[in-house]
Amino acid sequence: MKPGAVLVDIAIDQGGCFEDSRPTTHDRPTFAVHDAVFYCVTNMPASVPKTSTFALTNATMPYVIKLADHGWRAACRSDPALAKGLSTHDGALLCEQVADDLDMPFTDPASVLA
């Protein structure tokens, strides 16, 4: 890596995405490792709450409207992105990775959307 490189770890809240990442704060947001500068502030959107809330609302509102207008089943049938967000239904695990991690049976989401 070039000296003076800046790494911004936006995944620090989930453990980070760089080997040398460690959580920092707004008071002390950066640290250096091998001539690279790391910025690993947790909850980065908190520094711009109005802007981040506006952005999140704009990104999620179309889904909220679909769910409200059509109900969760019909909305998920018509929108693959919503269907990918299903995790459980009536005690069944609809997320294959979670089922594998927990060594539990996986149920195909298509079966609950029928």
C-alpha atoms as a PDB file:
ATOM      1  CA  MET A   1       0.000   0.000   0.000  1.00  0.00           C
ATOM      2  CA  LYS A   2       1.264   3.469  -0.811  1.00  0.00           C
ATOM      3  CA  PRO A   3       2.449   5.637   2.092  1.00  0.00           C
ATOM      4  CA  GLY A   4      -0.286   8.057   3.080  1.00  0.00           C
ATOM      5  CA  ALA A   5      -3.108   5.799   1.860  1.00  0.00           C
ATOM      6  CA  VAL A   6      -6.393   6.345   3.679  1.00  0.00           C
ATOM      7  CA  LEU A   7      -8.631   3.403   4.530  1.00  0.00           C
ATOM      8  CA  VAL A   8     -12.226   4.113   5.563  1.00  0.00           C
ATOM      9  CA  ASP A   9     -13.767   1.046   7.191  1.00  0.00           C
ATOM     10  CA  ILE A  10     -17.516   1.481   6.866  1.00  0.00           C
ATOM     11  CA  ALA A  11     -18.043  -2.068   8.171  1.00  0.00           C
ATOM     12  CA  ILE A  12     -16.343  -1.470  11.521  1.00  0.00           C
ATOM     13  CA  ASP A  13     -19.667  -1.911  13.355  1.00  0.00           C
ATOM     14  CA  GLN A  14     -19.745  -5.502  12.071  1.00  0.00           C
ATOM     15  CA  GLY A  15     -16.121  -6.242  12.911  1.00  0.00           C
ATOM     16  CA  GLY A  16     -14.386  -4.334  10.147  1.00  0.00           C
ATOM     17  CA  CYS A  17     -13.008  -5.279   6.766  1.00  0.00           C
ATOM     18  CA  PHE A  18      -9.280  -4.610   7.128  1.00  0.00           C
ATOM     19  CA  GLU A  19      -6.802  -6.647   9.142  1.00  0.00           C
ATOM     20  CA  ASP A  20      -5.634  -3.671  11.194  1.00  0.00           C
ATOM     21  CA  SER A  21      -9.051  -2.071  11.729  1.00  0.00           C
ATOM     22  CA  ARG A  22     -10.189  -1.219  15.221  1.00  0.00           C
ATOM     23  CA  PRO A  23     -13.123   0.954  16.295  1.00  0.00           C
ATOM     24  CA  THR A  24     -12.439   4.665  16.724  1.00  0.00           C
ATOM     25  CA  THR A  25     -14.539   7.638  17.819  1.00  0.00           C
ATOM     26  CA  HIS A  26     -15.402  11.047  16.445  1.00  0.00           C
ATOM     27  CA  ASP A  27     -13.045  12.543  19.055  1.00  0.00           C
ATOM     28  CA  ARG A  28     -10.126  10.380  17.846  1.00  0.00           C
ATOM     29  CA  PRO A  29     -11.231   9.169  14.410  1.00  0.00           C
ATOM     30  CA  THR A  30      -7.947   8.026  12.864  1.00  0.00           C
ATOM     31  CA  PHE A  31      -4.830   6.024  13.576  1.00  0.00           C
ATOM     32  CA  ALA A  32      -1.802   5.074  11.499  1.00  0.00           C
ATOM     33  CA  VAL A  33      -0.448   1.633  10.663  1.00  0.00           C
ATOM     34  CA  HIS A  34       2.549   1.195   8.329  1.00  0.00           C
ATOM     35  CA  ASP A  35       2.195   4.726   6.903  1.00  0.00           C
ATOM     36  CA  ALA A  36      -1.514   4.216   6.140  1.00  0.00           C
ATOM     37  CA  VAL A  37      -4.255   6.183   7.884  1.00  0.00           C
ATOM     38  CA  PHE A  38      -7.314   4.280   9.132  1.00  0.00           C
ATOM     39  CA  TYR A  39     -10.704   5.920   9.705  1.00  0.00           C
ATOM     40  CA  CYS A  40     -12.885   3.435  11.595  1.00  0.00           C
ATOM     41  CA  VAL A  41     -15.527   5.499  13.379  1.00  0.00           C
ATOM     42  CA  THR A  42     -18.440   3.371  14.535  1.00  0.00           C
ATOM     43  CA  ASN A  43     -21.937   4.474  13.553  1.00  0.00           C
ATOM     44  CA  MET A  44     -20.695   6.940  10.935  1.00  0.00           C
ATOM     45  CA  PRO A  45     -24.222   8.083  10.005  1.00  0.00           C
ATOM     46  CA  ALA A  46     -24.592   9.563  13.508  1.00  0.00           C
ATOM     47  CA  SER A  47     -22.294  12.409  12.506  1.00  0.00           C
ATOM     48  CA  VAL A  48     -24.881  13.567   9.960  1.00  0.00           C
ATOM     49  CA  PRO A  49     -28.199  12.421  11.486  1.00  0.00           C
ATOM     50  CA  LYS A  50     -30.584  14.469   9.344  1.00  0.00           C
ATOM     51  CA  THR A  51     -28.851  13.560   6.102  1.00  0.00           C
ATOM     52  CA  SER A  52     -28.503   9.881   6.985  1.00  0.00           C
ATOM     53  CA  THR A  53     -32.152   9.642   8.087  1.00  0.00           C
ATOM     54  CA  PHE A  54     -33.257  11.309   4.860  1.00  0.00           C
ATOM     55  CA  ALA A  55     -31.134   8.900   2.806  1.00  0.00           C
ATOM     56  CA  LEU A  56     -32.364   5.822   4.678  1.00  0.00           C
ATOM     57  CA  THR A  57     -35.981   6.930   4.364  1.00  0.00           C
ATOM     58  CA  ASN A  58     -35.598   7.493   0.627  1.00  0.00           C
ATOM     59  CA  ALA A  59     -34.012   4.069   0.202  1.00  0.00           C
ATOM     60  CA  THR A  60     -36.592   2.155   2.248  1.00  0.00           C
ATOM     61  CA  MET A  61     -39.872   3.990   1.617  1.00  0.00           C
ATOM     62  CA  PRO A  62     -40.640   2.246  -1.703  1.00  0.00           C
ATOM     63  CA  TYR A  63     -40.488  -1.101   0.134  1.00  0.00           C
ATOM     64  CA  VAL A  64     -42.658   0.168   2.993  1.00  0.00           C
ATOM     65  CA  ILE A  65     -45.269   1.340   0.487  1.00  0.00           C
ATOM     66  CA  LYS A  66     -45.267  -2.027  -1.315  1.00  0.00           C
ATOM     67  CA  LEU A  67     -45.688  -3.868   1.972  1.00  0.00           C
ATOM     68  CA  ALA A  68     -48.499  -1.546   3.090  1.00  0.00           C
ATOM     69  CA  ASP A  69     -50.318  -1.635  -0.245  1.00  0.00           C
ATOM     70  CA  HIS A  70     -50.043  -5.348  -1.012  1.00  0.00           C
ATOM     71  CA  GLY A  71     -49.201  -7.218   2.209  1.00  0.00           C
ATOM     72  CA  TRP A  72     -45.918  -8.993   2.779  1.00  0.00           C
ATOM     73  CA  ARG A  73     -46.615 -12.103   0.670  1.00  0.00           C
ATOM     74  CA  ALA A  74     -47.736 -10.323  -2.484  1.00  0.00           C
ATOM     75  CA  ALA A  75     -45.027  -7.676  -2.091  1.00  0.00           C
ATOM     76  CA  CYS A  76     -42.337 -10.365  -1.764  1.00  0.00           C
ATOM     77  CA  ARG A  77     -43.749 -12.295  -4.723  1.00  0.00           C
ATOM     78  CA  SER A  78     -43.478  -9.233  -6.938  1.00  0.00           C
ATOM     79  CA  ASP A  79     -40.152  -7.919  -5.626  1.00  0.00           C
ATOM     80  CA  PRO A  80     -37.146 -10.272  -5.404  1.00  0.00           C
ATOM     81  CA  ALA A  81     -35.271  -7.771  -3.219  1.00  0.00           C
ATOM     82  CA  LEU A  82     -37.984  -7.967  -0.576  1.00  0.00           C
ATOM     83  CA  ALA A  83     -38.122 -11.757  -0.834  1.00  0.00           C
ATOM     84  CA  LYS A  84     -34.369 -11.921  -0.170  1.00  0.00           C
ATOM     85  CA  GLY A  85     -35.026 -10.141   3.119  1.00  0.00           C
ATOM     86  CA  LEU A  86     -37.200 -12.933   4.507  1.00  0.00           C
ATOM     87  CA  SER A  87     -35.541 -14.709   7.433  1.00  0.00           C
ATOM     88  CA  THR A  88     -38.243 -16.721   9.189  1.00  0.00           C
ATOM     89  CA  HIS A  89     -41.906 -17.615   8.854  1.00  0.00           C
ATOM     90  CA  ASP A  90     -44.052 -19.647  11.217  1.00  0.00           C
ATOM     91  CA  GLY A  91     -40.973 -21.166  12.871  1.00  0.00           C
ATOM     92  CA  ALA A  92     -39.194 -22.017   9.608  1.00  0.00           C
ATOM     93  CA  LEU A  93     -35.789 -20.608   8.649  1.00  0.00           C
ATOM     94  CA  LEU A  94     -35.951 -19.052   5.187  1.00  0.00           C
ATOM     95  CA  CYS A  95     -32.309 -17.946   5.054  1.00  0.00           C
ATOM     96  CA  GLU A  96     -30.104 -20.832   3.953  1.00  0.00           C
ATOM     97  CA  GLN A  97     -26.911 -19.442   5.465  1.00  0.00           C
ATOM     98  CA  VAL A  98     -28.542 -18.976   8.876  1.00  0.00           C
ATOM     99  CA  ALA A  99     -30.007 -22.487   8.725  1.00  0.00           C
ATOM    100  CA  ASP A 100     -26.576 -23.909   7.852  1.00  0.00           C
ATOM    101  CA  ASP A 101     -24.841 -21.913  10.587  1.00  0.00           C
ATOM    102  CA  LEU A 102     -27.364 -23.126  13.175  1.00  0.00           C
ATOM    103  CA  ASP A 103     -27.481 -26.664  11.771  1.00  0.00           C
ATOM    104  CA  MET A 104     -31.242 -26.378  11.338  1.00  0.00           C
ATOM    105  CA  PRO A 105     -33.517 -27.211   8.415  1.00  0.00           C
ATOM    106  CA  PHE A 106     -33.832 -24.661   5.612  1.00  0.00           C
ATOM    107  CA  THR A 107     -37.204 -23.852   4.058  1.00  0.00           C
ATOM    108  CA  ASP A 108     -37.228 -22.358   0.560  1.00  0.00           C
ATOM    109  CA  PRO A 109     -38.897 -18.932   0.763  1.00  0.00           C
ATOM    110  CA  ALA A 110     -40.821 -19.727  -2.438  1.00  0.00           C
ATOM    111  CA  SER A 111     -42.815 -22.304  -0.472  1.00  0.00           C
ATOM    112  CA  VAL A 112     -44.226 -19.679   1.912  1.00  0.00           C
ATOM    113  CA  LEU A 113     -44.907 -17.215  -0.896  1.00  0.00           C
ATOM    114  CA  ALA A 114     -47.120 -19.632  -2.831  1.00  0.00           C
END
